[in-house]
Amino acid sequence: MHPPQSTAAPYPFDVIIAGCGPTGAVLAAELRLHDVRVLLLEKDTEPPSAARIVGLHVRTLELMAMRGLLDRLLEHGRRRPAAGFYAAIPAPPPEGLDPRYGFLLGIPQPVVVRLLEEHAVALGARTRRGRAVVAVEQDADGVTVQLTGGGRLRARYLVGCDGGRSTVRKLLGVGFPGEPARTETLMGEMEVGVPQEEVAAGVAAVREPHRPFWLRPAGGGTYSVVVPAAGVGDRAGPPTLEDFRHRLRAVAGTDFGVHSPRWLSRFGDATRLADRYRVGRVLLAGDAAHIHPPLGGQGLNLGVQDAVNLGWKLAAQVRGWAPEALLDTYEAERRPVAADVLDNTRAQAQLLAPEPGPQAVRRLLTELVDIEEVNRRLSEKITGTGIRYELGDGPDLVGRRMPDIRVSGGDLYGLLRRGRGLLLDRTGRLTAAAWSDRVDQLTDQTAEIDLPCVLLRPDGHVAWAGDDQRDLDGRLARWFGAPT
């Protein structure tokens, strides 16, 4: 059983989430694992329909496996090698990737949004479409939001997951410093009217002086097309197929007979990071907190990982067992991760620039990725597998994600479905019994790990490792509150 929920504010919802994209939907599901009453507000009346393909990287696939969602996503996606992400520099996958999660899953974004929203609703989250937050007031006990079309709602917390132009962030007055967009790029999937050999030859002839530019097979007879958008149409609206044809002819001398688009979009290289992720009872996550070019395909993954980090901490606050300052660790942990992603997209943009200097650096880095450690480090930046939070002293694994090792009865990730902590004990003499309402325990001397005992947070990161009960009790109290 959970500790009793605070009754100081008898509101119909504990948490209101503005935005029902992947970040908002995952956050709602994480909160519902702890019986937090959640309302998702979405300004659009209908789910997204443009079949844009997004990529789920290794760390996101691991999180989906932890919550029992991966098999559903795999049914709708296409596996691609976990390689060559960094500025599209050719490189093999790093050695030792777990074959269960060591790939990129290409999947239509509307499918991701639908599956994640269905998951949140199945767990008990409520949704309201065609309603958006237009005003926010907060006090010591809760947050009041005013909605489009009239009406006000009261909740204990509000989380803005409402995108790069976040209304919630603006209403809070949180700064969003960085660089505005200086260039724009067209991206889409469509069929071509010439043989594949002709496409390959045409791309090879112009690739070096025109980055980013490519036409790559995307499956089902379609090609992924990326081409600079300079001088194209009305930037306020979505691009057209004719815009793509015009730019392809300008860059490659031919439009390759492109036709039958599946989706078309435009993106800029604006790069911004919120000054703060929290103001009182209002928090930011996903694109509301950070935006960057889609180089390496990191945006959706970064937002989902924000949600999993925040969900259990905000739930602990609502449920009344959160240790002091637990909620503050959300910003302390996730904002540096976002800053690192912004920096690696800036670096990738430079490596894609056509000028001689950036191209010389690109040639040098192309040589360096032949070194396994360099290849691994760059891959870890893109896939999220290299993240290490500062969680205290201990072995190198402390602060890092825990791999999905074999344990008695199955796989480790299967034990994290409920979004609780987990004590994995190989000694047979340590215990988390005083935290049994928040932390599960498995005693397994056969577990495939070279440590006597590890304490996992609900997000799968190792909070402690060792064999001393008193030390363990201190870490349990730090992350999971007072013992019962």
Protein backbone atom coordinates (compact mmCIF):
# COMPACT_ATOMS: atom_id res chain seq x y z
CA MET A 1 0.00 0.00 0.00
CA HIS A 2 1.05 3.58 -0.62
CA PRO A 3 1.31 6.03 2.28
CA PRO A 4 -1.91 8.02 2.66
CA GLN A 5 -2.40 10.78 0.13
CA SER A 6 -2.47 14.32 1.42
CA THR A 7 -5.98 15.72 1.73
CA ALA A 8 -4.91 19.34 2.15
CA ALA A 9 -6.31 20.26 -1.28
CA PRO A 10 -9.40 18.26 -2.36
CA TYR A 11 -9.02 18.99 -6.06
CA PRO A 12 -10.44 16.76 -8.80
CA PHE A 13 -6.90 16.26 -10.16
CA ASP A 14 -3.52 16.06 -8.53
CA VAL A 15 -1.60 16.94 -11.69
CA ILE A 16 -2.65 18.70 -14.89
CA ILE A 17 -0.39 18.11 -17.90
CA ALA A 18 -0.52 20.63 -20.75
CA GLY A 19 0.23 18.74 -23.96
CA CYS A 20 -0.57 15.17 -24.95
CA GLY A 21 2.46 14.41 -27.10
CA PRO A 22 4.90 11.63 -26.22
CA THR A 23 6.34 13.50 -23.22
CA GLY A 24 2.95 14.34 -21.72
CA ALA A 25 1.52 10.87 -22.32
CA VAL A 26 4.51 9.09 -20.77
CA LEU A 27 4.44 11.42 -17.77
CA ALA A 28 0.73 10.75 -17.27
CA ALA A 29 1.31 6.99 -17.35
CA GLU A 30 4.20 7.24 -14.88
CA LEU A 31 2.03 9.21 -12.46
CA ARG A 32 -0.85 6.76 -12.79
CA LEU A 33 1.44 3.91 -11.73
CA HIS A 34 1.32 5.61 -8.31
CA ASP A 35 -2.42 6.36 -8.30
CA VAL A 36 -1.94 10.08 -8.97
CA ARG A 37 -5.04 11.67 -10.49
CA VAL A 38 -4.00 13.09 -13.87
CA LEU A 39 -5.64 15.23 -16.54
CA LEU A 40 -4.04 15.64 -19.98
CA LEU A 41 -5.00 18.80 -21.86
CA GLU A 42 -4.38 18.92 -25.61
CA LYS A 43 -5.06 22.01 -27.72
CA ASP A 44 -5.53 20.00 -30.93
CA THR A 45 -8.94 18.44 -31.35
CA GLU A 46 -7.56 15.44 -33.25
CA PRO A 47 -4.36 13.41 -32.84
CA PRO A 48 -1.55 14.14 -35.35
CA SER A 49 -2.13 12.58 -38.76
CA ALA A 50 1.05 13.35 -40.73
CA ALA A 51 2.94 10.04 -40.89
CA ARG A 52 6.32 11.48 -39.99
CA ILE A 53 8.84 8.79 -39.05
CA VAL A 54 10.69 9.25 -35.77
CA GLY A 55 13.48 7.15 -34.28
CA LEU A 56 13.44 5.59 -30.83
CA HIS A 57 16.99 5.19 -29.55
CA VAL A 58 18.41 2.50 -27.26
CA ARG A 59 17.71 4.21 -23.93
CA THR A 60 14.10 4.97 -24.87
CA LEU A 61 13.61 1.38 -26.01
CA GLU A 62 14.92 0.23 -22.62
CA LEU A 63 12.44 2.48 -20.80
CA MET A 64 9.61 1.19 -22.93
CA ALA A 65 10.68 -2.37 -22.08
CA MET A 66 10.68 -1.50 -18.37
CA ARG A 67 7.04 -0.48 -18.62
CA GLY A 68 5.92 -3.37 -20.84
CA LEU A 69 5.36 -1.21 -23.94
CA LEU A 70 8.17 -2.26 -26.24
CA ASP A 71 6.44 -5.21 -27.93
CA ARG A 72 3.52 -2.97 -28.96
CA LEU A 73 5.89 -0.44 -30.48
CA LEU A 74 7.91 -3.10 -32.30
CA GLU A 75 4.77 -4.24 -34.12
CA HIS A 76 4.57 -0.87 -35.87
CA GLY A 77 8.23 0.00 -36.41
CA ARG A 78 11.23 -0.93 -38.48
CA ARG A 79 14.57 -1.79 -36.91
CA ARG A 80 17.66 -0.03 -38.19
CA PRO A 81 21.30 -0.36 -37.15
CA ALA A 82 22.34 1.69 -34.12
CA ALA A 83 25.13 3.34 -36.06
CA GLY A 84 26.11 6.40 -38.05
CA PHE A 85 23.95 8.80 -36.05
CA TYR A 86 26.55 11.45 -35.28
CA ALA A 87 26.40 13.99 -38.11
CA ALA A 88 25.66 11.05 -40.46
CA ILE A 89 29.33 10.00 -40.30
CA PRO A 90 29.49 6.33 -41.37
CA ALA A 91 30.37 4.07 -38.44
CA PRO A 92 29.56 0.53 -37.34
CA PRO A 93 27.49 -0.12 -34.21
CA PRO A 94 29.64 -0.06 -31.05
CA GLU A 95 30.69 -3.44 -29.74
CA GLY A 96 28.66 -5.18 -27.06
CA LEU A 97 25.22 -3.70 -27.72
CA ASP A 98 22.38 -5.69 -26.19
CA PRO A 99 20.67 -7.29 -29.22
CA ARG A 100 17.27 -6.81 -27.59
CA TYR A 101 17.60 -3.02 -27.56
CA GLY A 102 20.73 -2.26 -29.60
CA PHE A 103 19.00 -0.75 -32.62
CA LEU A 104 17.06 2.30 -33.79
CA LEU A 105 13.31 1.80 -34.15
CA GLY A 106 11.87 3.87 -36.98
CA ILE A 107 8.17 4.33 -36.34
CA PRO A 108 5.46 6.79 -37.48
CA GLN A 109 5.05 9.56 -34.91
CA PRO A 110 1.23 9.33 -34.87
CA VAL A 111 1.54 5.66 -33.90
CA VAL A 112 3.87 6.52 -31.02
CA VAL A 113 1.50 9.24 -29.78
CA ARG A 114 -1.53 6.95 -30.06
CA LEU A 115 0.06 4.00 -28.26
CA LEU A 116 1.45 6.13 -25.44
CA GLU A 117 -1.83 7.98 -24.95
CA GLU A 118 -3.77 4.69 -24.96
CA HIS A 119 -1.38 3.36 -22.33
CA ALA A 120 -1.91 6.40 -20.10
CA VAL A 121 -5.69 6.23 -20.48
CA ALA A 122 -5.71 2.48 -19.76
CA LEU A 123 -3.94 3.27 -16.48
CA GLY A 124 -6.63 5.82 -15.61
CA ALA A 125 -5.44 9.18 -16.98
CA ARG A 126 -8.16 11.56 -18.20
CA THR A 127 -7.82 13.55 -21.45
CA ARG A 128 -9.53 16.64 -22.83
CA ARG A 129 -8.89 17.66 -26.42
CA GLY A 130 -9.44 21.11 -27.88
CA ARG A 131 -8.51 22.70 -24.54
CA ALA A 132 -5.31 24.56 -23.78
CA VAL A 133 -3.95 26.56 -20.86
CA VAL A 134 -4.17 30.34 -21.33
CA ALA A 135 -3.52 31.59 -17.79
CA VAL A 136 -1.90 30.20 -14.65
CA GLU A 137 -2.12 31.21 -11.00
CA GLN A 138 -0.47 29.35 -8.16
CA ASP A 139 -0.36 29.57 -4.39
CA ALA A 140 1.03 27.51 -1.54
CA ASP A 141 -1.57 24.76 -1.98
CA GLY A 142 -2.07 24.38 -5.72
CA VAL A 143 -2.35 25.75 -9.25
CA THR A 144 -5.35 27.26 -11.03
CA VAL A 145 -5.40 27.19 -14.83
CA GLN A 146 -7.74 29.02 -17.17
CA LEU A 147 -8.61 27.21 -20.39
CA THR A 148 -9.40 28.21 -23.94
CA GLY A 149 -13.14 28.48 -24.40
CA GLY A 150 -13.59 29.40 -20.74
CA GLY A 151 -13.47 27.41 -17.58
CA ARG A 152 -10.95 27.04 -14.79
CA LEU A 153 -9.37 23.99 -13.22
CA ARG A 154 -7.54 23.52 -9.97
CA ALA A 155 -4.80 20.94 -9.28
CA ARG A 156 -1.88 20.47 -6.97
CA TYR A 157 0.71 20.67 -9.79
CA LEU A 158 0.89 21.67 -13.45
CA VAL A 159 3.45 20.35 -15.94
CA GLY A 160 4.00 22.10 -19.27
CA CYS A 161 4.67 19.53 -21.99
CA ASP A 162 3.28 21.88 -24.63
CA GLY A 163 6.19 22.11 -27.06
CA GLY A 164 8.86 24.56 -28.10
CA ARG A 165 6.42 27.49 -28.17
CA SER A 166 5.17 26.49 -24.71
CA THR A 167 2.41 28.72 -23.37
CA VAL A 168 3.07 27.44 -19.85
CA ARG A 169 6.73 28.45 -20.03
CA LYS A 170 5.82 31.92 -21.29
CA LEU A 171 3.17 32.38 -18.60
CA LEU A 172 5.78 31.50 -15.97
CA GLY A 173 8.18 34.08 -17.39
CA VAL A 174 10.94 31.49 -17.66
CA GLY A 175 13.75 32.58 -19.95
CA PHE A 176 14.52 30.50 -23.05
CA PRO A 177 17.98 31.65 -24.11
CA GLY A 178 19.92 30.26 -27.02
CA GLU A 179 20.30 30.79 -30.75
CA PRO A 180 17.41 31.57 -33.10
CA ALA A 181 16.97 29.65 -36.33
CA ARG A 182 19.46 30.74 -39.01
CA THR A 183 18.86 28.05 -41.60
CA GLU A 184 15.95 25.82 -42.47
CA THR A 185 15.79 22.36 -43.97
CA LEU A 186 13.04 20.43 -45.73
CA MET A 187 12.46 16.86 -44.59
CA GLY A 188 9.95 14.30 -45.79
CA GLU A 189 9.25 10.85 -47.18
CA MET A 190 8.09 10.27 -50.74
CA GLU A 191 8.49 8.05 -53.74
CA VAL A 192 10.91 8.75 -56.59
CA GLY A 193 10.46 8.32 -60.32
CA VAL A 194 13.97 7.18 -61.26
CA PRO A 195 15.97 3.98 -60.55
CA GLN A 196 17.80 3.67 -57.25
CA GLU A 197 21.15 3.73 -59.04
CA GLU A 198 20.32 7.13 -60.49
CA VAL A 199 19.33 8.43 -57.07
CA ALA A 200 22.59 7.19 -55.53
CA ALA A 201 24.67 8.73 -58.29
CA GLY A 202 22.86 12.05 -58.05
CA VAL A 203 23.30 12.24 -54.28
CA ALA A 204 26.97 11.25 -54.44
CA ALA A 205 27.64 14.03 -56.94
CA VAL A 206 26.45 16.81 -54.66
CA ARG A 207 26.62 15.47 -51.08
CA GLU A 208 29.87 17.07 -50.00
CA PRO A 209 29.18 20.72 -50.85
CA HIS A 210 25.51 20.60 -49.82
CA ARG A 211 25.02 19.35 -46.26
CA PRO A 212 22.54 18.36 -45.01
CA PHE A 213 21.26 16.72 -48.18
CA TRP A 214 20.27 13.12 -48.87
CA LEU A 215 17.79 10.73 -50.40
CA ARG A 216 17.78 7.40 -48.53
CA PRO A 217 15.53 4.35 -48.94
CA ALA A 218 13.00 4.38 -46.09
CA GLY A 219 11.17 1.14 -46.81
CA GLY A 220 7.93 0.45 -48.64
CA GLY A 221 9.25 2.01 -51.86
CA THR A 222 9.68 5.44 -50.26
CA TYR A 223 12.74 7.63 -49.72
CA SER A 224 13.68 9.90 -46.86
CA VAL A 225 14.50 13.25 -48.46
CA VAL A 226 16.43 16.05 -46.76
CA VAL A 227 17.37 19.20 -48.66
CA PRO A 228 18.27 22.80 -47.68
CA ALA A 229 15.19 25.03 -47.65
CA ALA A 230 16.76 28.36 -48.63
CA GLY A 231 14.28 30.62 -50.40
CA VAL A 232 11.38 28.20 -50.17
CA GLY A 233 7.76 29.32 -50.01
CA ASP A 234 5.94 30.63 -46.96
CA ARG A 235 7.84 29.69 -43.79
CA ALA A 236 4.67 30.06 -41.71
CA GLY A 237 3.00 27.09 -43.38
CA PRO A 238 3.96 23.49 -44.12
CA PRO A 239 6.09 22.89 -47.24
CA THR A 240 4.60 21.49 -50.43
CA LEU A 241 5.84 18.80 -52.79
CA GLU A 242 6.64 21.55 -55.29
CA ASP A 243 8.92 23.16 -52.68
CA PHE A 244 10.88 19.88 -52.52
CA ARG A 245 11.06 19.64 -56.30
CA HIS A 246 12.28 23.23 -56.56
CA ARG A 247 15.03 22.76 -54.00
CA LEU A 248 16.13 19.37 -55.35
CA ARG A 249 16.54 20.89 -58.82
CA ALA A 250 18.52 23.80 -57.34
CA VAL A 251 20.86 21.54 -55.35
CA ALA A 252 21.12 18.38 -57.47
CA GLY A 253 20.05 19.56 -60.93
CA THR A 254 17.11 17.12 -60.86
CA ASP A 255 14.04 16.51 -58.73
CA PHE A 256 14.44 12.72 -59.11
CA GLY A 257 10.78 12.56 -60.13
CA VAL A 258 9.60 12.74 -56.50
CA HIS A 259 5.89 12.11 -55.99
CA SER A 260 3.31 10.61 -53.59
CA PRO A 261 4.63 12.12 -50.34
CA ARG A 262 3.86 10.37 -47.04
CA TRP A 263 4.70 13.44 -44.98
CA LEU A 264 6.45 16.78 -45.49
CA SER A 265 7.95 19.09 -42.88
CA ARG A 266 10.39 21.90 -42.31
CA PHE A 267 12.76 22.37 -39.40
CA GLY A 268 15.12 25.10 -38.32
CA ASP A 269 18.30 25.07 -36.28
CA ALA A 270 17.02 27.09 -33.30
CA THR A 271 18.70 25.88 -30.10
CA ARG A 272 17.34 26.97 -26.73
CA LEU A 273 17.32 25.77 -23.10
CA ALA A 274 14.96 26.96 -20.37
CA ASP A 275 16.56 28.86 -17.49
CA ARG A 276 14.57 26.76 -15.02
CA TYR A 277 12.52 23.59 -15.15
CA ARG A 278 10.41 24.45 -12.09
CA VAL A 279 8.66 27.50 -10.68
CA GLY A 280 6.85 26.54 -7.51
CA ARG A 281 4.16 24.01 -8.39
CA VAL A 282 4.65 24.30 -12.15
CA LEU A 283 7.26 22.29 -14.06
CA LEU A 284 8.44 21.98 -17.66
CA ALA A 285 9.39 18.89 -19.65
CA GLY A 286 10.20 17.92 -23.22
CA ASP A 287 10.35 20.61 -25.91
CA ALA A 288 8.84 23.12 -23.49
CA ALA A 289 12.20 22.99 -21.70
CA HIS A 290 14.59 22.54 -24.63
CA ILE A 291 14.65 22.72 -28.42
CA HIS A 292 17.37 21.86 -30.92
CA PRO A 293 17.77 20.73 -34.52
CA PRO A 294 16.74 17.09 -35.12
CA LEU A 295 20.32 16.02 -35.82
CA GLY A 296 20.75 12.52 -34.48
CA GLY A 297 17.00 12.21 -33.89
CA GLN A 298 17.25 13.01 -30.17
CA GLY A 299 14.28 15.29 -29.45
CA LEU A 300 11.44 12.85 -28.77
CA ASN A 301 13.80 10.58 -26.84
CA LEU A 302 15.00 13.43 -24.63
CA GLY A 303 11.40 14.35 -23.76
CA VAL A 304 10.36 10.79 -22.94
CA GLN A 305 13.39 10.40 -20.68
CA ASP A 306 12.47 13.69 -18.96
CA ALA A 307 9.02 12.24 -18.25
CA VAL A 308 10.32 9.00 -16.74
CA ASN A 309 12.77 10.92 -14.53
CA LEU A 310 10.07 13.33 -13.34
CA GLY A 311 7.12 10.96 -12.99
CA TRP A 312 8.07 9.01 -9.87
CA LYS A 313 9.47 12.09 -8.15
CA LEU A 314 6.33 14.14 -8.70
CA ALA A 315 4.21 11.16 -7.65
CA ALA A 316 6.23 10.91 -4.42
CA GLN A 317 5.52 14.58 -3.75
CA VAL A 318 1.80 14.10 -4.33
CA ARG A 319 1.62 10.89 -2.31
CA GLY A 320 3.37 12.50 0.63
CA TRP A 321 6.52 10.40 0.99
CA ALA A 322 9.02 12.43 -1.03
CA PRO A 323 12.28 13.18 0.78
CA GLU A 324 13.19 16.82 1.05
CA ALA A 325 14.38 18.27 -2.27
CA LEU A 326 13.59 15.07 -4.24
CA LEU A 327 11.59 17.05 -6.79
CA ASP A 328 14.49 19.47 -7.22
CA THR A 329 16.66 16.60 -8.47
CA TYR A 330 14.56 16.53 -11.65
CA GLU A 331 16.05 19.78 -12.91
CA ALA A 332 19.45 19.04 -11.38
CA GLU A 333 19.67 15.78 -13.35
CA ARG A 334 17.84 16.49 -16.58
CA ARG A 335 18.89 20.04 -17.42
CA PRO A 336 22.58 19.09 -17.81
CA VAL A 337 21.53 16.19 -20.05
CA ALA A 338 19.61 18.61 -22.26
CA ALA A 339 22.56 21.02 -22.32
CA ASP A 340 24.78 18.19 -23.54
CA VAL A 341 22.29 17.31 -26.28
CA LEU A 342 22.18 20.94 -27.39
CA ASP A 343 25.97 20.99 -27.56
CA ASN A 344 26.19 17.79 -29.58
CA THR A 345 23.62 19.08 -32.08
CA ARG A 346 25.60 22.31 -32.39
CA ALA A 347 28.71 20.26 -33.09
CA GLN A 348 26.90 18.11 -35.63
CA ALA A 349 25.61 21.22 -37.40
CA GLN A 350 29.18 22.44 -37.77
CA LEU A 351 30.27 19.07 -39.15
CA LEU A 352 27.50 19.31 -41.75
CA ALA A 353 28.49 22.81 -42.89
CA PRO A 354 29.96 23.01 -46.43
CA GLU A 355 32.85 25.38 -45.66
CA PRO A 356 36.43 24.03 -45.87
CA GLY A 357 37.10 24.34 -42.13
CA PRO A 358 34.14 22.28 -40.91
CA GLN A 359 34.74 19.76 -43.69
CA ALA A 360 38.36 19.33 -42.59
CA VAL A 361 37.16 18.61 -39.04
CA ARG A 362 34.61 16.18 -40.44
CA ARG A 363 37.30 14.26 -42.32
CA LEU A 364 39.38 14.09 -39.15
CA LEU A 365 36.44 12.82 -37.07
CA THR A 366 35.64 10.27 -39.78
CA GLU A 367 39.10 8.83 -39.19
CA LEU A 368 38.74 8.94 -35.41
CA VAL A 369 35.48 6.97 -35.31
CA ASP A 370 37.50 3.96 -36.42
CA ILE A 371 38.74 3.97 -32.80
CA GLU A 372 36.20 1.90 -30.87
CA GLU A 373 36.18 4.16 -27.79
CA VAL A 374 35.52 7.26 -29.91
CA ASN A 375 32.73 5.50 -31.78
CA ARG A 376 31.20 4.32 -28.50
CA ARG A 377 31.37 7.75 -26.85
CA LEU A 378 29.63 9.47 -29.77
CA SER A 379 27.04 6.72 -29.97
CA GLU A 380 26.31 7.01 -26.23
CA LYS A 381 25.67 10.73 -26.62
CA ILE A 382 23.01 10.14 -29.26
CA THR A 383 21.38 7.03 -27.79
CA GLY A 384 21.27 8.24 -24.17
CA THR A 385 23.14 5.22 -22.86
CA GLY A 386 26.10 7.24 -21.56
CA ILE A 387 24.13 9.33 -19.04
CA ARG A 388 25.45 9.24 -15.50
CA TYR A 389 23.73 11.23 -12.77
CA GLU A 390 25.72 12.40 -9.75
CA LEU A 391 24.16 10.08 -7.18
CA GLY A 392 27.05 9.76 -4.74
CA ASP A 393 30.17 7.68 -4.23
CA GLY A 394 30.44 4.08 -5.26
CA PRO A 395 31.31 1.88 -8.24
CA ASP A 396 31.16 3.35 -11.75
CA LEU A 397 27.69 1.86 -12.22
CA VAL A 398 26.20 4.19 -9.59
CA GLY A 399 24.27 6.93 -11.40
CA ARG A 400 24.18 4.98 -14.65
CA ARG A 401 21.34 3.00 -16.16
CA MET A 402 21.15 -0.65 -15.19
CA PRO A 403 21.32 -3.07 -18.16
CA ASP A 404 18.54 -5.63 -18.52
CA ILE A 405 20.41 -8.52 -16.92
CA ARG A 406 19.09 -12.03 -16.41
CA VAL A 407 17.66 -12.73 -12.94
CA SER A 408 15.83 -15.69 -11.49
CA GLY A 409 12.50 -16.00 -13.21
CA GLY A 410 13.27 -13.78 -16.19
CA ASP A 411 14.73 -10.39 -17.02
CA LEU A 412 15.40 -7.49 -14.67
CA TYR A 413 13.28 -4.98 -16.58
CA GLY A 414 10.22 -7.14 -16.06
CA LEU A 415 10.50 -6.33 -12.34
CA LEU A 416 10.22 -2.57 -12.95
CA ARG A 417 6.78 -2.55 -14.59
CA ARG A 418 5.12 -0.92 -11.58
CA GLY A 419 7.47 2.06 -11.51
CA ARG A 420 8.80 1.27 -8.02
CA GLY A 421 12.32 1.06 -6.69
CA LEU A 422 14.07 -2.31 -6.65
CA LEU A 423 16.70 -3.80 -4.35
CA LEU A 424 18.61 -6.57 -6.11
CA ASP A 425 20.52 -8.47 -3.43
CA ARG A 426 23.06 -11.20 -4.17
CA THR A 427 24.19 -11.50 -0.53
CA GLY A 428 20.96 -12.80 0.98
CA ARG A 429 21.38 -10.60 4.07
CA LEU A 430 20.33 -7.09 3.05
CA THR A 431 16.79 -5.79 3.19
CA ALA A 432 14.51 -2.92 2.15
CA ALA A 433 11.58 -4.22 4.19
CA ALA A 434 10.96 -0.88 5.90
CA TRP A 435 10.33 0.65 2.47
CA SER A 436 8.27 -2.25 1.08
CA ASP A 437 5.42 0.09 0.10
CA ARG A 438 7.78 1.87 -2.32
CA VAL A 439 10.62 -0.55 -3.05
CA ASP A 440 10.48 -4.15 -4.25
CA GLN A 441 13.21 -6.66 -3.39
CA LEU A 442 14.72 -9.64 -5.17
CA THR A 443 17.29 -11.86 -3.46
CA ASP A 444 19.09 -13.71 -6.22
CA GLN A 445 22.61 -15.04 -5.88
CA THR A 446 22.63 -15.98 -9.59
CA ALA A 447 21.96 -12.45 -10.91
CA GLU A 448 24.40 -11.55 -13.71
CA ILE A 449 26.11 -8.63 -11.98
CA ASP A 450 29.57 -8.27 -10.40
CA LEU A 451 28.31 -6.37 -7.35
CA PRO A 452 26.91 -7.72 -4.08
CA CYS A 453 23.78 -5.56 -4.11
CA VAL A 454 22.30 -2.68 -6.12
CA LEU A 455 19.43 -0.30 -5.43
CA LEU A 456 17.54 0.82 -8.52
CA ARG A 457 15.37 3.89 -8.81
CA PRO A 458 12.08 3.59 -10.74
CA ASP A 459 13.79 5.05 -13.82
CA GLY A 460 16.30 2.18 -13.87
CA HIS A 461 19.31 4.19 -12.67
CA VAL A 462 21.51 2.72 -9.96
CA ALA A 463 21.15 4.73 -6.76
CA TRP A 464 23.55 2.65 -4.65
CA ALA A 465 25.78 -0.42 -4.76
CA GLY A 466 27.51 -2.21 -1.90
CA ASP A 467 27.01 -4.67 0.95
CA ASP A 468 26.50 -2.54 4.09
CA GLN A 469 22.96 -2.34 5.52
CA ARG A 470 23.48 1.01 7.26
CA ASP A 471 24.80 2.57 4.07
CA LEU A 472 21.87 1.09 2.16
CA ASP A 473 19.36 2.50 4.67
CA GLY A 474 20.81 5.96 4.13
CA ARG A 475 20.36 5.73 0.37
CA LEU A 476 16.85 4.32 0.73
CA ALA A 477 15.91 7.28 2.91
CA ARG A 478 17.52 9.71 0.46
CA TRP A 479 15.49 8.49 -2.52
CA PHE A 480 12.41 6.89 -0.99
CA GLY A 481 11.75 8.86 2.19
CA ALA A 482 11.31 7.79 5.76
CA PRO A 483 10.84 4.11 6.54
CA THR A 484 7.38 2.94 7.53
